[in-house]
Amino acid sequence: MSFPFPILPTLKIDDFEFYDDVVGEGNFALVRRARQRISGVDFAVKQICRSQVVRLKKELDVVMEKHALMRYDEQIQVIFYVI
């Protein structure tokens, strides 16, 4: 890639407290609103089902989406969580 990515701290799913609401869902993912326990900052956490991604041959799509979102690191706060 020709653009630099910001260095982000490693976050774990246990670092978040999830709200009950679902922001969105798709063929192989579920997006939920969560609050980071330490900072209190709200994030969108995207749970991705690896087996469905592989079965649908969408691995490259997931990588491209992650890279696109990382370009907007200050404006969009999305965490990918693969199950």
Protein backbone atom coordinates (compact mmCIF):
# COMPACT_ATOMS: atom_id res chain seq x y z
CA MET A 1 0.00 0.00 0.00
CA SER A 2 1.18 3.50 -0.74
CA PHE A 3 -0.30 5.22 2.30
CA PRO A 4 0.79 4.82 5.93
CA PHE A 5 -1.54 3.27 8.48
CA PRO A 6 -1.71 4.66 12.00
CA ILE A 7 -0.27 2.48 14.73
CA LEU A 8 -3.19 1.41 16.87
CA PRO A 9 -3.06 -0.22 20.27
CA THR A 10 -4.02 -3.87 20.37
CA LEU A 11 -7.57 -4.13 21.62
CA LYS A 12 -9.34 -7.24 22.79
CA ILE A 13 -13.04 -7.97 22.79
CA ASP A 14 -12.94 -7.94 26.60
CA ASP A 15 -11.90 -4.27 26.46
CA PHE A 16 -15.47 -3.38 25.43
CA GLU A 17 -18.86 -3.23 27.07
CA PHE A 18 -21.58 -3.95 24.50
CA TYR A 19 -24.92 -2.21 24.22
CA ASP A 20 -27.99 -4.28 23.33
CA ASP A 21 -28.61 -2.54 20.02
CA VAL A 22 -27.39 -3.84 16.67
CA VAL A 23 -26.23 -1.09 14.30
CA GLY A 24 -26.28 -3.27 11.19
CA GLU A 25 -25.97 -6.75 9.82
CA GLY A 26 -24.98 -8.36 6.57
CA ASN A 27 -24.28 -11.72 4.97
CA PHE A 28 -21.35 -12.57 7.23
CA ALA A 29 -21.12 -9.76 9.78
CA LEU A 30 -22.95 -8.11 12.64
CA VAL A 31 -22.16 -4.55 13.75
CA ARG A 32 -22.85 -3.64 17.37
CA ARG A 33 -22.30 -0.48 19.39
CA ALA A 34 -19.83 -0.81 22.25
CA ARG A 35 -18.03 1.38 24.75
CA GLN A 36 -14.34 0.94 25.49
CA ARG A 37 -14.10 0.22 29.21
CA ILE A 38 -10.94 2.28 29.87
CA SER A 39 -11.66 5.44 27.87
CA GLY A 40 -15.45 5.42 27.70
CA VAL A 41 -15.27 6.06 23.95
CA ASP A 42 -18.01 4.51 21.79
CA PHE A 43 -17.01 2.26 18.90
CA ALA A 44 -18.75 0.24 16.25
CA VAL A 45 -17.56 -3.36 16.62
CA LYS A 46 -17.97 -5.51 13.55
CA GLN A 47 -18.16 -9.24 14.29
CA ILE A 48 -17.17 -11.21 11.21
CA CYS A 49 -17.89 -14.92 10.83
CA ARG A 50 -14.68 -16.30 9.32
CA SER A 51 -16.25 -19.54 8.07
CA GLN A 52 -18.88 -17.65 6.07
CA VAL A 53 -16.29 -15.23 4.66
CA VAL A 54 -14.17 -18.15 3.47
CA ARG A 55 -17.18 -20.05 2.12
CA LEU A 56 -18.32 -16.99 0.13
CA LYS A 57 -14.72 -16.24 -0.97
CA LYS A 58 -14.92 -12.67 0.40
CA GLU A 59 -11.57 -12.49 2.21
CA LEU A 60 -10.25 -9.75 -0.08
CA ASP A 61 -13.43 -7.69 0.43
CA VAL A 62 -12.94 -7.76 4.20
CA VAL A 63 -9.30 -6.69 3.91
CA MET A 64 -10.19 -3.86 1.51
CA GLU A 65 -12.95 -2.61 3.84
CA LYS A 66 -10.59 -2.64 6.81
CA HIS A 67 -7.95 -0.68 4.88
CA ALA A 68 -10.54 1.86 3.69
CA LEU A 69 -11.79 2.42 7.24
CA MET A 70 -8.24 2.77 8.59
CA ARG A 71 -7.75 5.78 6.31
CA TYR A 72 -10.38 7.60 8.39
CA ASP A 73 -8.95 6.67 11.77
CA GLU A 74 -10.00 9.89 13.53
CA GLN A 75 -13.52 10.09 12.07
CA ILE A 76 -14.71 6.49 12.11
CA GLN A 77 -13.98 4.21 15.00
CA VAL A 78 -14.60 0.64 13.91
CA ILE A 79 -13.09 -2.46 15.44
CA PHE A 80 -13.11 -5.75 13.51
CA TYR A 81 -13.61 -8.89 15.56
CA VAL A 82 -13.37 -12.20 13.72
CA ILE A 83 -15.16 -15.21 15.17
